PDB file of N, CA and C in Angstrom:
ATOM      1  N   MET A   1      93.081  -1.846 102.060  1.00  0.00           N
ATOM      2  CA  MET A   1      94.279  -1.200 102.564  1.00  0.00           C
ATOM      3  C   MET A   1      94.429   0.138 101.863  1.00  0.00           C
ATOM      4  N   SER A   2      94.507   1.151 102.644  1.00  0.00           N
ATOM      5  CA  SER A   2      94.591   2.501 102.103  1.00  0.00           C
ATOM      6  C   SER A   2      95.978   3.060 102.383  1.00  0.00           C
ATOM      7  N   LEU A   3      96.505   3.766 101.380  1.00  0.00           N
ATOM      8  CA  LEU A   3      97.822   4.399 101.534  1.00  0.00           C
ATOM      9  C   LEU A   3      97.701   5.825 102.032  1.00  0.00           C
ATOM     10  N   GLY A   4      96.512   6.240 102.316  1.00  0.00           N
ATOM     11  CA  GLY A   4      96.306   7.588 102.826  1.00  0.00           C
ATOM     12  C   GLY A   4      96.015   8.581 101.720  1.00  0.00           C
ATOM     13  N   LEU A   5      95.836   8.108 100.471  1.00  0.00           N
ATOM     14  CA  LEU A   5      95.527   9.020  99.375  1.00  0.00           C
ATOM     15  C   LEU A   5      94.136   8.729  98.857  1.00  0.00           C
ATOM     16  N   GLU A   6      93.423   9.771  98.569  1.00  0.00           N
ATOM     17  CA  GLU A   6      92.095   9.627  98.012  1.00  0.00           C
ATOM     18  C   GLU A   6      92.219   9.268  96.534  1.00  0.00           C
ATOM     19  N   PRO A   7      91.269   8.540  95.973  1.00  0.00           N
ATOM     20  CA  PRO A   7      91.329   8.180  94.553  1.00  0.00           C
ATOM     21  C   PRO A   7      91.351   9.386  93.628  1.00  0.00           C
ATOM     22  N   SER A   8      90.652  10.433  93.973  1.00  0.00           N
ATOM     23  CA  SER A   8      90.645  11.621  93.102  1.00  0.00           C
ATOM     24  C   SER A   8      92.025  12.290  93.092  1.00  0.00           C
ATOM     25  N   ARG A   9      92.678  12.315  94.223  1.00  0.00           N
ATOM     26  CA  ARG A   9      94.031  12.902  94.288  1.00  0.00           C
ATOM     27  C   ARG A   9      95.021  12.024  93.539  1.00  0.00           C
ATOM     28  N   MET A  10      94.829  10.722  93.578  1.00  0.00           N
ATOM     29  CA  MET A  10      95.734   9.816  92.856  1.00  0.00           C
ATOM     30  C   MET A  10      95.579  10.011  91.350  1.00  0.00           C
ATOM     31  N   ARG A  11      94.302  10.176  90.895  1.00  0.00           N
ATOM     32  CA  ARG A  11      94.081  10.387  89.457  1.00  0.00           C
ATOM     33  C   ARG A  11      94.699  11.712  89.013  1.00  0.00           C
ATOM     34  N   LYS A  12      94.540  12.749  89.836  1.00  0.00           N
ATOM     35  CA  LYS A  12      95.102  14.054  89.508  1.00  0.00           C
ATOM     36  C   LYS A  12      96.625  13.982  89.467  1.00  0.00           C
ATOM     37  N   GLY A  13      97.215  13.276  90.398  1.00  0.00           N
ATOM     38  CA  GLY A  13      98.675  13.112  90.414  1.00  0.00           C
ATOM     39  C   GLY A  13      99.170  12.338  89.202  1.00  0.00           C
ATOM     40  N   ALA A  14      98.397  11.319  88.797  1.00  0.00           N
ATOM     41  CA  ALA A  14      98.775  10.541  87.622  1.00  0.00           C
ATOM     42  C   ALA A  14      98.701  11.395  86.366  1.00  0.00           C
ATOM     43  N   ARG A  15      97.667  12.227  86.267  1.00  0.00           N
ATOM     44  CA  ARG A  15      97.539  13.113  85.096  1.00  0.00           C
ATOM     45  C   ARG A  15      98.698  14.107  85.055  1.00  0.00           C
ATOM     46  N   ASN A  16      99.014  14.689  86.200  1.00  0.00           N
ATOM     47  CA  ASN A  16     100.134  15.634  86.256  1.00  0.00           C
ATOM     48  C   ASN A  16     101.446  14.936  85.891  1.00  0.00           C
ATOM     49  N   MET A  17     101.612  13.724  86.403  1.00  0.00           N
ATOM     50  CA  MET A  17     102.827  12.993  86.083  1.00  0.00           C
ATOM     51  C   MET A  17     102.898  12.703  84.581  1.00  0.00           C
ATOM     52  N   GLY A  18     101.762  12.398  83.953  1.00  0.00           N
ATOM     53  CA  GLY A  18     101.724  12.173  82.502  1.00  0.00           C
ATOM     54  C   GLY A  18     102.129  13.419  81.738  1.00  0.00           C
ATOM     55  N   LYS A  19     101.642  14.582  82.176  1.00  0.00           N
ATOM     56  CA  LYS A  19     102.004  15.841  81.522  1.00  0.00           C
ATOM     57  C   LYS A  19     103.505  16.112  81.656  1.00  0.00           C
ATOM     58  N   VAL A  20     104.008  15.887  82.850  1.00  0.00           N
ATOM     59  CA  VAL A  20     105.438  16.119  83.094  1.00  0.00           C
ATOM     60  C   VAL A  20     106.283  15.183  82.247  1.00  0.00           C
ATOM     61  N   LEU A  21     105.885  13.917  82.184  1.00  0.00           N
ATOM     62  CA  LEU A  21     106.644  12.950  81.388  1.00  0.00           C
ATOM     63  C   LEU A  21     106.601  13.293  79.898  1.00  0.00           C
ATOM     64  N   ARG A  22     105.431  13.727  79.389  1.00  0.00           N
ATOM     65  CA  ARG A  22     105.345  14.120  77.977  1.00  0.00           C
ATOM     66  C   ARG A  22     106.238  15.324  77.692  1.00  0.00           C
ATOM     67  N   LYS A  23     106.220  16.279  78.622  1.00  0.00           N
ATOM     68  CA  LYS A  23     107.058  17.463  78.448  1.00  0.00           C
ATOM     69  C   LYS A  23     108.539  17.081  78.435  1.00  0.00           C
ATOM     70  N   ARG A  24     108.942  16.247  79.376  1.00  0.00           N
ATOM     71  CA  ARG A  24     110.341  15.809  79.441  1.00  0.00           C
ATOM     72  C   ARG A  24     110.720  14.972  78.215  1.00  0.00           C
ATOM     73  N   TRP A  25     109.766  14.142  77.744  1.00  0.00           N
ATOM     74  CA  TRP A  25     110.055  13.316  76.572  1.00  0.00           C
ATOM     75  C   TRP A  25     110.305  14.199  75.351  1.00  0.00           C
ATOM     76  N   ASN A  26     109.521  15.287  75.212  1.00  0.00           N
ATOM     77  CA  ASN A  26     109.733  16.207  74.095  1.00  0.00           C
ATOM     78  C   ASN A  26     111.099  16.877  74.188  1.00  0.00           C
ATOM     79  N   GLU A  27     111.539  17.188  75.396  1.00  0.00           N
ATOM     80  CA  GLU A  27     112.861  17.780  75.560  1.00  0.00           C
ATOM     81  C   GLU A  27     113.959  16.767  75.243  1.00  0.00           C
ATOM     82  N   ILE A  28     113.754  15.546  75.678  1.00  0.00           N
ATOM     83  CA  ILE A  28     114.761  14.504  75.456  1.00  0.00           C
ATOM     84  C   ILE A  28     114.826  14.116  73.979  1.00  0.00           C
ATOM     85  N   SER A  29     113.695  14.130  73.290  1.00  0.00           N
ATOM     86  CA  SER A  29     113.678  13.680  71.899  1.00  0.00           C
ATOM     87  C   SER A  29     114.459  14.606  70.979  1.00  0.00           C
ATOM     88  N   GLU A  30     114.810  15.796  71.431  1.00  0.00           N
ATOM     89  CA  GLU A  30     115.633  16.694  70.622  1.00  0.00           C
ATOM     90  C   GLU A  30     117.078  16.220  70.548  1.00  0.00           C
ATOM     91  N   TYR A  31     117.478  15.385  71.461  1.00  0.00           N
ATOM     92  CA  TYR A  31     118.843  14.866  71.463  1.00  0.00           C
ATOM     93  C   TYR A  31     118.933  13.647  70.570  1.00  0.00           C
ATOM     94  N   ASP A  32     120.108  13.453  69.973  1.00  0.00           N
ATOM     95  CA  ASP A  32     120.309  12.245  69.188  1.00  0.00           C
ATOM     96  C   ASP A  32     121.471  11.451  69.788  1.00  0.00           C
ATOM     97  N   LEU A  33     121.825  10.377  69.139  1.00  0.00           N
ATOM     98  CA  LEU A  33     122.848   9.481  69.672  1.00  0.00           C
ATOM     99  C   LEU A  33     124.202  10.184  69.805  1.00  0.00           C
ATOM    100  N   ASP A  34     124.531  11.062  68.863  1.00  0.00           N
ATOM    101  CA  ASP A  34     125.817  11.768  68.933  1.00  0.00           C
ATOM    102  C   ASP A  34     125.903  12.653  70.168  1.00  0.00           C
ATOM    103  N   ASP A  35     124.778  13.273  70.555  1.00  0.00           N
ATOM    104  CA  ASP A  35     124.767  14.104  71.768  1.00  0.00           C
ATOM    105  C   ASP A  35     125.007  13.261  73.014  1.00  0.00           C
ATOM    106  N   VAL A  36     124.397  12.096  73.068  1.00  0.00           N
ATOM    107  CA  VAL A  36     124.580  11.212  74.226  1.00  0.00           C
ATOM    108  C   VAL A  36     126.017  10.723  74.288  1.00  0.00           C
ATOM    109  N   LEU A  37     126.578  10.329  73.129  1.00  0.00           N
ATOM    110  CA  LEU A  37     127.970   9.865  73.109  1.00  0.00           C
ATOM    111  C   LEU A  37     128.928  10.985  73.508  1.00  0.00           C
ATOM    112  N   GLU A  38     128.653  12.201  73.030  1.00  0.00           N
ATOM    113  CA  GLU A  38     129.503  13.339  73.372  1.00  0.00           C
ATOM    114  C   GLU A  38     129.462  13.623  74.871  1.00  0.00           C
ATOM    115  N   PHE A  39     128.314  13.430  75.495  1.00  0.00           N
ATOM    116  CA  PHE A  39     128.196  13.638  76.938  1.00  0.00           C
ATOM    117  C   PHE A  39     129.167  12.736  77.699  1.00  0.00           C
ATOM    118  N   PHE A  40     129.359  11.508  77.215  1.00  0.00           N
ATOM    119  CA  PHE A  40     130.276  10.568  77.861  1.00  0.00           C
ATOM    120  C   PHE A  40     131.688  10.648  77.307  1.00  0.00           C
ATOM    121  N   GLY A  41     131.947  11.615  76.409  1.00  0.00           N
ATOM    122  CA  GLY A  41     133.284  11.794  75.857  1.00  0.00           C
ATOM    123  C   GLY A  41     133.617  10.801  74.757  1.00  0.00           C
ATOM    124  N   LEU A  42     132.602  10.282  74.102  1.00  0.00           N
ATOM    125  CA  LEU A  42     132.813   9.302  73.035  1.00  0.00           C
ATOM    126  C   LEU A  42     132.368   9.885  71.707  1.00  0.00           C
ATOM    127  N   GLN A  43     132.722   9.200  70.633  1.00  0.00           N
ATOM    128  CA  GLN A  43     132.247   9.585  69.309  1.00  0.00           C
ATOM    129  C   GLN A  43     132.108   8.351  68.445  1.00  0.00           C
ATOM    130  N   ARG A  44     131.375   8.496  67.360  1.00  0.00           N
ATOM    131  CA  ARG A  44     131.172   7.370  66.453  1.00  0.00           C
ATOM    132  C   ARG A  44     132.437   7.104  65.656  1.00  0.00           C
ATOM    133  N   VAL A  45     132.658   5.853  65.339  1.00  0.00           N
ATOM    134  CA  VAL A  45     133.779   5.473  64.498  1.00  0.00           C
ATOM    135  C   VAL A  45     133.294   5.514  63.054  1.00  0.00           C
ATOM    136  N   PRO A  46     134.059   6.171  62.160  1.00  0.00           N
ATOM    137  CA  PRO A  46     133.609   6.217  60.771  1.00  0.00           C
ATOM    138  C   PRO A  46     133.539   4.825  60.157  1.00  0.00           C
ATOM    139  N   ARG A  47     132.679   4.656  59.192  1.00  0.00           N
ATOM    140  CA  ARG A  47     132.553   3.374  58.513  1.00  0.00           C
ATOM    141  C   ARG A  47     133.813   3.088  57.719  1.00  0.00           C
ATOM    142  N   PRO A  48     134.170   1.818  57.570  1.00  0.00           N
ATOM    143  CA  PRO A  48     135.387   1.475  56.819  1.00  0.00           C
ATOM    144  C   PRO A  48     135.362   1.978  55.384  1.00  0.00           C
ATOM    145  N   ALA A  49     134.210   1.951  54.741  1.00  0.00           N
ATOM    146  CA  ALA A  49     134.140   2.410  53.349  1.00  0.00           C
ATOM    147  C   ALA A  49     134.445   3.897  53.252  1.00  0.00           C
ATOM    148  N   SER A  50     133.922   4.694  54.167  1.00  0.00           N
ATOM    149  CA  SER A  50     134.189   6.134  54.111  1.00  0.00           C
ATOM    150  C   SER A  50     135.648   6.433  54.436  1.00  0.00           C
ATOM    151  N   ARG A  51     136.233   5.676  55.340  1.00  0.00           N
ATOM    152  CA  ARG A  51     137.660   5.860  55.642  1.00  0.00           C
ATOM    153  C   ARG A  51     138.508   5.497  54.442  1.00  0.00           C
ATOM    154  N   PHE A  52     138.156   4.392  53.761  1.00  0.00           N
ATOM    155  CA  PHE A  52     138.913   3.974  52.587  1.00  0.00           C
ATOM    156  C   PHE A  52     138.799   5.010  51.474  1.00  0.00           C
ATOM    157  N   LEU A  53     137.577   5.470  51.215  1.00  0.00           N
ATOM    158  CA  LEU A  53     137.380   6.420  50.126  1.00  0.00           C
ATOM    159  C   LEU A  53     138.086   7.743  50.385  1.00  0.00           C
ATOM    160  N   SER A  54     138.046   8.220  51.616  1.00  0.00           N
ATOM    161  CA  SER A  54     138.735   9.480  51.899  1.00  0.00           C
ATOM    162  C   SER A  54     140.243   9.319  51.748  1.00  0.00           C
ATOM    163  N   GLY A  55     140.785   8.196  52.189  1.00  0.00           N
ATOM    164  CA  GLY A  55     142.212   7.950  51.995  1.00  0.00           C
ATOM    165  C   GLY A  55     142.575   7.791  50.539  1.00  0.00           C
ATOM    166  N   PHE A  56     141.725   7.099  49.774  1.00  0.00           N
ATOM    167  CA  PHE A  56     141.975   6.892  48.351  1.00  0.00           C
ATOM    168  C   PHE A  56     141.961   8.223  47.599  1.00  0.00           C
ATOM    169  N   VAL A  57     141.013   9.085  47.934  1.00  0.00           N
ATOM    170  CA  VAL A  57     140.939  10.393  47.288  1.00  0.00           C
ATOM    171  C   VAL A  57     142.183  11.214  47.597  1.00  0.00           C
ATOM    172  N   LEU A  58     142.657  11.169  48.834  1.00  0.00           N
ATOM    173  CA  LEU A  58     143.878  11.902  49.181  1.00  0.00           C
ATOM    174  C   LEU A  58     145.090  11.378  48.418  1.00  0.00           C
ATOM    175  N   VAL A  59     145.207  10.065  48.280  1.00  0.00           N
ATOM    176  CA  VAL A  59     146.329   9.488  47.542  1.00  0.00           C
ATOM    177  C   VAL A  59     146.257   9.881  46.073  1.00  0.00           C
ATOM    178  N   MET A  60     145.080   9.824  45.471  1.00  0.00           N
ATOM    179  CA  MET A  60     144.930  10.198  44.057  1.00  0.00           C
ATOM    180  C   MET A  60     145.213  11.683  43.842  1.00  0.00           C
ATOM    181  N   ALA A  61     144.783  12.522  44.760  1.00  0.00           N
ATOM    182  CA  ALA A  61     145.063  13.956  44.642  1.00  0.00           C
ATOM    183  C   ALA A  61     146.567  14.211  44.749  1.00  0.00           C
ATOM    184  N   GLY A  62     147.237  13.514  45.652  1.00  0.00           N
ATOM    185  CA  GLY A  62     148.689  13.650  45.766  1.00  0.00           C
ATOM    186  C   GLY A  62     149.400  13.171  44.519  1.00  0.00           C
ATOM    187  N   ALA A  63     148.909  12.078  43.925  1.00  0.00           N
ATOM    188  CA  ALA A  63     149.506  11.577  42.695  1.00  0.00           C
ATOM    189  C   ALA A  63     149.321  12.577  41.554  1.00  0.00           C
ATOM    190  N   ALA A  64     148.147  13.183  41.469  1.00  0.00           N
ATOM    191  CA  ALA A  64     147.891  14.162  40.411  1.00  0.00           C
ATOM    192  C   ALA A  64     148.798  15.386  40.569  1.00  0.00           C
ATOM    193  N   VAL A  65     148.963  15.844  41.795  1.00  0.00           N
ATOM    194  CA  VAL A  65     149.855  16.981  42.035  1.00  0.00           C
ATOM    195  C   VAL A  65     151.294  16.599  41.697  1.00  0.00           C
ATOM    196  N   GLY A  66     151.709  15.397  42.062  1.00  0.00           N
ATOM    197  CA  GLY A  66     153.066  14.948  41.754  1.00  0.00           C
ATOM    198  C   GLY A  66     153.311  14.837  40.258  1.00  0.00           C
ATOM    199  N   VAL A  67     152.353  14.319  39.526  1.00  0.00           N
ATOM    200  CA  VAL A  67     152.498  14.217  38.066  1.00  0.00           C
ATOM    201  C   VAL A  67     152.580  15.609  37.449  1.00  0.00           C
ATOM    202  N   ALA A  68     151.738  16.514  37.888  1.00  0.00           N
ATOM    203  CA  ALA A  68     151.753  17.872  37.338  1.00  0.00           C
ATOM    204  C   ALA A  68     153.087  18.562  37.615  1.00  0.00           C
ATOM    205  N   LEU A  69     153.590  18.442  38.837  1.00  0.00           N
ATOM    206  CA  LEU A  69     154.883  19.048  39.163  1.00  0.00           C
ATOM    207  C   LEU A  69     156.009  18.391  38.377  1.00  0.00           C
ATOM    208  N   GLY A  70     155.963  17.077  38.241  1.00  0.00           N
ATOM    209  CA  GLY A  70     156.993  16.381  37.477  1.00  0.00           C
ATOM    210  C   GLY A  70     157.012  16.804  36.026  1.00  0.00           C
ATOM    211  N   MET A  71     155.852  16.998  35.435  1.00  0.00           N
ATOM    212  CA  MET A  71     155.794  17.433  34.035  1.00  0.00           C
ATOM    213  C   MET A  71     156.268  18.864  33.873  1.00  0.00           C
ATOM    214  N   MET A  72     155.972  19.720  34.852  1.00  0.00           N
ATOM    215  CA  MET A  72     156.409  21.116  34.751  1.00  0.00           C
ATOM    216  C   MET A  72     157.911  21.254  34.951  1.00  0.00           C
ATOM    217  N   LEU A  73     158.484  20.423  35.813  1.00  0.00           N
ATOM    218  CA  LEU A  73     159.898  20.569  36.148  1.00  0.00           C
ATOM    219  C   LEU A  73     160.828  19.686  35.322  1.00  0.00           C
ATOM    220  N   SER A  74     160.290  18.808  34.510  1.00  0.00           N
ATOM    221  CA  SER A  74     161.149  17.927  33.723  1.00  0.00           C
ATOM    222  C   SER A  74     161.741  18.683  32.534  1.00  0.00           C
ATOM    223  N   PRO A  75     162.949  18.271  32.099  1.00  0.00           N
ATOM    224  CA  PRO A  75     163.559  18.950  30.945  1.00  0.00           C
ATOM    225  C   PRO A  75     162.805  18.579  29.664  1.00  0.00           C
ATOM    226  N   PRO A  76     162.878  19.448  28.666  1.00  0.00           N
ATOM    227  CA  PRO A  76     162.175  19.145  27.411  1.00  0.00           C
ATOM    228  C   PRO A  76     162.830  17.966  26.700  1.00  0.00           C
ATOM    229  N   SER A  77     162.051  17.296  25.878  1.00  0.00           N
ATOM    230  CA  SER A  77     162.604  16.158  25.156  1.00  0.00           C
ATOM    231  C   SER A  77     163.500  16.642  24.020  1.00  0.00           C
ATOM    232  N   ARG A  78     164.413  15.793  23.598  1.00  0.00           N
ATOM    233  CA  ARG A  78     165.358  16.140  22.531  1.00  0.00           C
ATOM    234  C   ARG A  78     164.621  16.309  21.203  1.00  0.00           C
ATOM    235  N   LYS A  79     163.563  15.557  20.986  1.00  0.00           N
ATOM    236  CA  LYS A  79     162.815  15.656  19.736  1.00  0.00           C
ATOM    237  C   LYS A  79     162.073  16.989  19.631  1.00  0.00           C
ATOM    238  N   SER A  80     161.640  17.522  20.749  1.00  0.00           N
ATOM    239  CA  SER A  80     160.893  18.777  20.736  1.00  0.00           C
ATOM    240  C   SER A  80     161.791  19.954  20.400  1.00  0.00           C
ATOM    241  N   TYR A  81     163.028  19.931  20.873  1.00  0.00           N
ATOM    242  CA  TYR A  81     163.946  21.052  20.690  1.00  0.00           C
ATOM    243  C   TYR A  81     165.291  20.525  20.184  1.00  0.00           C
ATOM    244  N   PRO A  82     165.420  20.184  18.903  1.00  0.00           N
ATOM    245  CA  PRO A  82     166.684  19.616  18.419  1.00  0.00           C
ATOM    246  C   PRO A  82     167.834  20.615  18.419  1.00  0.00           C
ATOM    247  N   GLN A  83     167.552  21.916  18.397  1.00  0.00           N
ATOM    248  CA  GLN A  83     168.611  22.920  18.349  1.00  0.00           C
ATOM    249  C   GLN A  83     169.235  23.177  19.717  1.00  0.00           C
ATOM    250  N   VAL A  84     168.617  22.729  20.789  1.00  0.00           N
ATOM    251  CA  VAL A  84     169.108  22.977  22.141  1.00  0.00           C
ATOM    252  C   VAL A  84     170.261  22.031  22.425  1.00  0.00           C
ATOM    253  N   ARG A  85     171.374  22.602  22.909  1.00  0.00           N
ATOM    254  CA  ARG A  85     172.532  21.799  23.280  1.00  0.00           C
ATOM    255  C   ARG A  85     172.629  21.753  24.803  1.00  0.00           C
ATOM    256  N   THR A  86     172.574  20.586  25.366  1.00  0.00           N
ATOM    257  CA  THR A  86     172.740  20.415  26.810  1.00  0.00           C
ATOM    258  C   THR A  86     173.925  19.493  27.030  1.00  0.00           C
ATOM    259  N   PRO A  87     174.476  19.453  28.236  1.00  0.00           N
ATOM    260  CA  PRO A  87     175.629  18.579  28.482  1.00  0.00           C
ATOM    261  C   PRO A  87     175.335  17.101  28.195  1.00  0.00           C
ATOM    262  N   THR A  88     174.125  16.687  28.310  1.00  0.00           N
ATOM    263  CA  THR A  88     173.815  15.281  28.051  1.00  0.00           C
ATOM    264  C   THR A  88     173.642  14.996  26.565  1.00  0.00           C
ATOM    265  N   HIS A  89     173.516  16.026  25.732  1.00  0.00           N
ATOM    266  CA  HIS A  89     173.295  15.842  24.303  1.00  0.00           C
ATOM    267  C   HIS A  89     174.510  16.255  23.464  1.00  0.00           C
ATOM    268  N   ARG A  90     175.680  16.323  24.044  1.00  0.00           N
ATOM    269  CA  ARG A  90     176.848  16.751  23.259  1.00  0.00           C
ATOM    270  C   ARG A  90     177.309  15.624  22.326  1.00  0.00           C
ATOM    271  N   GLU A  91     178.001  16.008  21.303  1.00  0.00           N
ATOM    272  CA  GLU A  91     178.482  15.029  20.330  1.00  0.00           C
ATOM    273  C   GLU A  91     179.683  14.287  20.897  1.00  0.00           C
ATOM    274  N   ARG A  92     179.809  13.032  20.486  1.00  0.00           N
ATOM    275  CA  ARG A  92     180.954  12.243  20.925  1.00  0.00           C
ATOM    276  C   ARG A  92     182.186  12.638  20.113  1.00  0.00           C
ATOM    277  N   PRO A  93     183.328  12.633  20.773  1.00  0.00           N
ATOM    278  CA  PRO A  93     184.555  12.928  20.002  1.00  0.00           C
ATOM    279  C   PRO A  93     184.870  11.770  19.047  1.00  0.00           C
ATOM    280  N   ALA A  94     185.530  12.096  17.951  1.00  0.00           N
ATOM    281  CA  ALA A  94     185.891  11.062  16.968  1.00  0.00           C
ATOM    282  C   ALA A  94     186.984  10.170  17.536  1.00  0.00           C
ATOM    283  N   HIS A  95     186.869   8.862  17.269  1.00  0.00           N
ATOM    284  CA  HIS A  95     187.869   7.916  17.744  1.00  0.00           C
ATOM    285  C   HIS A  95     189.071   7.913  16.786  1.00  0.00           C
ATOM    286  N   PRO A  96     190.248   7.717  17.341  1.00  0.00           N
ATOM    287  CA  PRO A  96     191.419   7.650  16.425  1.00  0.00           C
ATOM    288  C   PRO A  96     191.315   6.413  15.533  1.00  0.00           C
ATOM    289  N   GLY A  97     191.653   6.577  14.322  1.00  0.00           N
ATOM    290  CA  GLY A  97     191.591   5.437  13.376  1.00  0.00           C
ATOM    291  C   GLY A  97     190.312   5.436  12.609  1.00  0.00           C
ATOM    292  N   GLY A  98     189.314   6.218  12.984  1.00  0.00           N
ATOM    293  CA  GLY A  98     188.101   6.338  12.230  1.00  0.00           C
ATOM    294  C   GLY A  98     187.082   5.277  12.436  1.00  0.00           C
ATOM    295  N   HIS A  99     187.370   4.264  13.211  1.00  0.00           N
ATOM    296  CA  HIS A  99     186.346   3.245  13.437  1.00  0.00           C
ATOM    297  C   HIS A  99     186.230   2.948  14.933  1.00  0.00           C
ATOM    298  N   VAL A 100     185.113   2.375  15.299  1.00  0.00           N
ATOM    299  CA  VAL A 100     184.843   2.065  16.698  1.00  0.00           C
ATOM    300  C   VAL A 100     184.835   0.551  16.852  1.00  0.00           C
ATOM    301  N   GLY A 101     185.419   0.096  17.918  1.00  0.00           N
ATOM    302  CA  GLY A 101     185.389  -1.336  18.190  1.00  0.00           C
ATOM    303  C   GLY A 101     186.743  -1.994  17.967  1.00  0.00           C
ATOM    304  N   ALA A 102     186.766  -3.309  18.034  1.00  0.00           N
ATOM    305  CA  ALA A 102     188.030  -4.057  17.870  1.00  0.00           C
ATOM    306  C   ALA A 102     188.416  -4.117  16.411  1.00  0.00           C
ATOM    307  N   PRO A 103     189.774  -4.119  16.086  1.00  0.00           N
ATOM    308  CA  PRO A 103     190.229  -4.191  14.690  1.00  0.00           C
ATOM    309  C   PRO A 103     190.017  -5.526  14.039  1.00  0.00           C
TER     310      PRO A 103
END
């Protein structure tokens, strides 16, 4: 049963098809999984460990900034500056009778 093609023409067509497929395969091999996913509008989900670490680093950086700001904005301690008088460090008035507490 003949399909109307000579064997030499079939071999030539097969060789040409092989060349075309190799050429196309080289073009396709330049793409990676991210390119294919992007074509369909998808993307990879980050690994849980990388998500945890990035969140942990952000929390620690925020804590460090908060501690630094708190130390810069806090009032000085009474021991460091005993000569400084602030409303919270004023002396108590003397009680009448000279003693404190019940008689």
